């Protein structure tokens, strides 16, 4: 109880504590990506080498989530498509063959959060 009385007496400390609580709250709720980010050419190279299990295309059609095959690190990474290119065009631009594309699972994540697998 002495701490509460002391905080009530000191306006500067009370203001500081409130600001600290607000700062911690903002940091905790600030959006951040939970996976490492890699370049799209790196994703294409990993697809060509058979390391990638699936690619999920987000709503905005530029952000992709790349899931690697089991026992590979990192498990999942984030990348971005190049402007004006589809996923297929981008992968083919960096040398991914049609045969390599056929072994890849492509998931399109729609706004309703249901997944369509192609």
C-alpha atoms as a PDB file:
ATOM      1  CA  UNK A   1       0.000   0.000   0.000  1.00  0.00           C
ATOM      2  CA  UNK A   2       2.917   2.374   0.556  1.00  0.00           C
ATOM      3  CA  UNK A   3       3.759   2.252  -3.146  1.00  0.00           C
ATOM      4  CA  UNK A   4       0.247   3.355  -4.086  1.00  0.00           C
ATOM      5  CA  UNK A   5       0.380   6.303  -1.681  1.00  0.00           C
ATOM      6  CA  UNK A   6       3.814   7.273  -2.963  1.00  0.00           C
ATOM      7  CA  UNK A   7       2.612   7.155  -6.608  1.00  0.00           C
ATOM      8  CA  UNK A   8      -0.397   9.300  -5.734  1.00  0.00           C
ATOM      9  CA  UNK A   9       1.890  11.954  -4.252  1.00  0.00           C
ATOM     10  CA  UNK A  10       4.295  12.122  -7.158  1.00  0.00           C
ATOM     11  CA  UNK A  11       2.620  13.405 -10.316  1.00  0.00           C
ATOM     12  CA  UNK A  12       5.789  13.067 -12.416  1.00  0.00           C
ATOM     13  CA  UNK A  13       6.298   9.429 -11.486  1.00  0.00           C
ATOM     14  CA  UNK A  14       2.619   8.652 -12.023  1.00  0.00           C
ATOM     15  CA  UNK A  15       2.785  10.209 -15.495  1.00  0.00           C
ATOM     16  CA  UNK A  16       5.941   8.240 -16.242  1.00  0.00           C
ATOM     17  CA  UNK A  17       4.320   4.969 -15.177  1.00  0.00           C
ATOM     18  CA  UNK A  18       1.283   5.664 -17.373  1.00  0.00           C
ATOM     19  CA  UNK A  19       3.508   6.454 -20.356  1.00  0.00           C
ATOM     20  CA  UNK A  20       5.526   3.282 -19.769  1.00  0.00           C
ATOM     21  CA  UNK A  21       2.351   1.180 -19.668  1.00  0.00           C
ATOM     22  CA  UNK A  22       1.123   2.791 -22.897  1.00  0.00           C
ATOM     23  CA  UNK A  23       4.477   2.208 -24.606  1.00  0.00           C
ATOM     24  CA  UNK A  24       4.550  -1.456 -23.612  1.00  0.00           C
ATOM     25  CA  UNK A  25       0.952  -1.849 -24.840  1.00  0.00           C
ATOM     26  CA  UNK A  26       1.763  -0.316 -28.209  1.00  0.00           C
ATOM     27  CA  UNK A  27       4.809  -2.541 -28.672  1.00  0.00           C
ATOM     28  CA  UNK A  28       2.782  -5.651 -27.824  1.00  0.00           C
ATOM     29  CA  UNK A  29      -0.034  -4.914 -30.271  1.00  0.00           C
ATOM     30  CA  UNK A  30       2.087  -3.420 -33.075  1.00  0.00           C
ATOM     31  CA  UNK A  31       1.700  -5.648 -36.138  1.00  0.00           C
ATOM     32  CA  UNK A  32       4.821  -7.489 -37.147  1.00  0.00           C
ATOM     33  CA  UNK A  33       5.600 -10.333 -39.457  1.00  0.00           C
ATOM     34  CA  UNK A  34       6.270 -13.529 -37.640  1.00  0.00           C
ATOM     35  CA  UNK A  35       8.382 -15.123 -40.381  1.00  0.00           C
ATOM     36  CA  UNK A  36      11.696 -14.050 -41.921  1.00  0.00           C
ATOM     37  CA  UNK A  37      11.569 -12.252 -45.249  1.00  0.00           C
ATOM     38  CA  UNK A  38      13.492 -13.432 -48.331  1.00  0.00           C
ATOM     39  CA  UNK A  39      13.813 -12.134 -51.868  1.00  0.00           C
ATOM     40  CA  UNK A  40      11.637 -13.558 -54.632  1.00  0.00           C
ATOM     41  CA  UNK A  41      14.667 -14.794 -56.640  1.00  0.00           C
ATOM     42  CA  UNK A  42      15.670 -16.832 -53.548  1.00  0.00           C
ATOM     43  CA  UNK A  43      12.171 -18.351 -53.434  1.00  0.00           C
ATOM     44  CA  UNK A  44      12.430 -19.257 -57.129  1.00  0.00           C
ATOM     45  CA  UNK A  45      15.819 -20.888 -56.569  1.00  0.00           C
ATOM     46  CA  UNK A  46      14.427 -22.906 -53.646  1.00  0.00           C
ATOM     47  CA  UNK A  47      11.469 -24.035 -55.795  1.00  0.00           C
ATOM     48  CA  UNK A  48      13.873 -25.091 -58.560  1.00  0.00           C
ATOM     49  CA  UNK A  49      15.930 -27.129 -56.061  1.00  0.00           C
ATOM     50  CA  UNK A  50      12.778 -28.851 -54.752  1.00  0.00           C
ATOM     51  CA  UNK A  51      12.969 -27.360 -51.242  1.00  0.00           C
ATOM     52  CA  UNK A  52       9.509 -25.736 -51.241  1.00  0.00           C
ATOM     53  CA  UNK A  53       6.366 -27.673 -50.323  1.00  0.00           C
ATOM     54  CA  UNK A  54       3.780 -24.929 -50.912  1.00  0.00           C
ATOM     55  CA  UNK A  55       3.268 -21.256 -51.638  1.00  0.00           C
ATOM     56  CA  UNK A  56       0.267 -19.323 -50.309  1.00  0.00           C
ATOM     57  CA  UNK A  57      -0.726 -16.161 -52.157  1.00  0.00           C
ATOM     58  CA  UNK A  58      -2.330 -13.546 -49.879  1.00  0.00           C
ATOM     59  CA  UNK A  59      -5.354 -11.389 -50.746  1.00  0.00           C
ATOM     60  CA  UNK A  60      -3.378  -8.491 -52.146  1.00  0.00           C
ATOM     61  CA  UNK A  61      -1.744 -10.875 -54.639  1.00  0.00           C
ATOM     62  CA  UNK A  62       1.757  -9.612 -53.879  1.00  0.00           C
ATOM     63  CA  UNK A  63       2.584 -11.135 -50.491  1.00  0.00           C
ATOM     64  CA  UNK A  64       3.395 -14.836 -50.517  1.00  0.00           C
ATOM     65  CA  UNK A  65       4.022 -17.281 -47.701  1.00  0.00           C
ATOM     66  CA  UNK A  66       6.481 -20.028 -48.593  1.00  0.00           C
ATOM     67  CA  UNK A  67       6.372 -23.307 -46.662  1.00  0.00           C
ATOM     68  CA  UNK A  68       9.463 -25.472 -46.957  1.00  0.00           C
ATOM     69  CA  UNK A  69       9.555 -29.250 -46.933  1.00  0.00           C
ATOM     70  CA  UNK A  70       9.893 -30.989 -43.554  1.00  0.00           C
ATOM     71  CA  UNK A  71      13.319 -30.898 -41.882  1.00  0.00           C
ATOM     72  CA  UNK A  72      14.387 -27.751 -43.774  1.00  0.00           C
ATOM     73  CA  UNK A  73      15.096 -24.469 -42.029  1.00  0.00           C
ATOM     74  CA  UNK A  74      13.534 -21.992 -42.022  1.00  0.00           C
ATOM     75  CA  UNK A  75      10.151 -23.717 -42.011  1.00  0.00           C
ATOM     76  CA  UNK A  76       8.254 -20.733 -43.427  1.00  0.00           C
ATOM     77  CA  UNK A  77       9.304 -17.422 -45.000  1.00  0.00           C
ATOM     78  CA  UNK A  78       7.563 -14.367 -46.421  1.00  0.00           C
ATOM     79  CA  UNK A  79       8.301 -12.875 -49.815  1.00  0.00           C
ATOM     80  CA  UNK A  80       6.733 -10.461 -52.304  1.00  0.00           C
ATOM     81  CA  UNK A  81       5.927 -10.961 -55.957  1.00  0.00           C
ATOM     82  CA  UNK A  82       7.433  -8.555 -58.404  1.00  0.00           C
ATOM     83  CA  UNK A  83       4.968  -5.876 -59.546  1.00  0.00           C
ATOM     84  CA  UNK A  84       3.008  -6.828 -62.646  1.00  0.00           C
ATOM     85  CA  UNK A  85       3.934 -10.522 -62.565  1.00  0.00           C
ATOM     86  CA  UNK A  86       1.853 -13.486 -61.511  1.00  0.00           C
ATOM     87  CA  UNK A  87       3.432 -16.159 -59.334  1.00  0.00           C
ATOM     88  CA  UNK A  88       3.879 -18.440 -62.352  1.00  0.00           C
ATOM     89  CA  UNK A  89       5.417 -15.690 -64.493  1.00  0.00           C
ATOM     90  CA  UNK A  90       7.783 -14.696 -61.702  1.00  0.00           C
ATOM     91  CA  UNK A  91       8.948 -18.248 -61.049  1.00  0.00           C
ATOM     92  CA  UNK A  92       9.442 -18.929 -64.763  1.00  0.00           C
ATOM     93  CA  UNK A  93      11.368 -15.653 -65.114  1.00  0.00           C
ATOM     94  CA  UNK A  94      13.919 -17.047 -62.650  1.00  0.00           C
ATOM     95  CA  UNK A  95      14.236 -20.413 -64.387  1.00  0.00           C
ATOM     96  CA  UNK A  96      11.644 -22.611 -62.678  1.00  0.00           C
ATOM     97  CA  UNK A  97      10.459 -25.212 -65.192  1.00  0.00           C
ATOM     98  CA  UNK A  98       6.901 -26.377 -65.800  1.00  0.00           C
ATOM     99  CA  UNK A  99       7.805 -29.757 -64.293  1.00  0.00           C
ATOM    100  CA  UNK A 100       9.063 -28.080 -61.104  1.00  0.00           C
ATOM    101  CA  UNK A 101       5.887 -25.964 -60.922  1.00  0.00           C
ATOM    102  CA  UNK A 102       3.701 -29.082 -61.134  1.00  0.00           C
ATOM    103  CA  UNK A 103       5.330 -30.483 -57.970  1.00  0.00           C
ATOM    104  CA  UNK A 104       4.453 -27.326 -56.046  1.00  0.00           C
ATOM    105  CA  UNK A 105       1.216 -26.789 -54.101  1.00  0.00           C
ATOM    106  CA  UNK A 106      -0.201 -23.299 -54.730  1.00  0.00           C
ATOM    107  CA  UNK A 107      -2.805 -21.969 -52.273  1.00  0.00           C
ATOM    108  CA  UNK A 108      -4.784 -18.778 -52.914  1.00  0.00           C
ATOM    109  CA  UNK A 109      -6.003 -17.231 -49.675  1.00  0.00           C
ATOM    110  CA  UNK A 110      -9.253 -15.365 -50.284  1.00  0.00           C
ATOM    111  CA  UNK A 111     -10.793 -12.624 -48.171  1.00  0.00           C
ATOM    112  CA  UNK A 112     -13.114 -15.066 -46.441  1.00  0.00           C
ATOM    113  CA  UNK A 113      -9.997 -16.855 -45.140  1.00  0.00           C
ATOM    114  CA  UNK A 114     -10.967 -20.069 -46.877  1.00  0.00           C
ATOM    115  CA  UNK A 115      -8.241 -21.668 -48.951  1.00  0.00           C
ATOM    116  CA  UNK A 116      -8.545 -22.673 -52.568  1.00  0.00           C
ATOM    117  CA  UNK A 117      -5.949 -25.171 -53.697  1.00  0.00           C
ATOM    118  CA  UNK A 118      -4.966 -25.195 -57.355  1.00  0.00           C
END
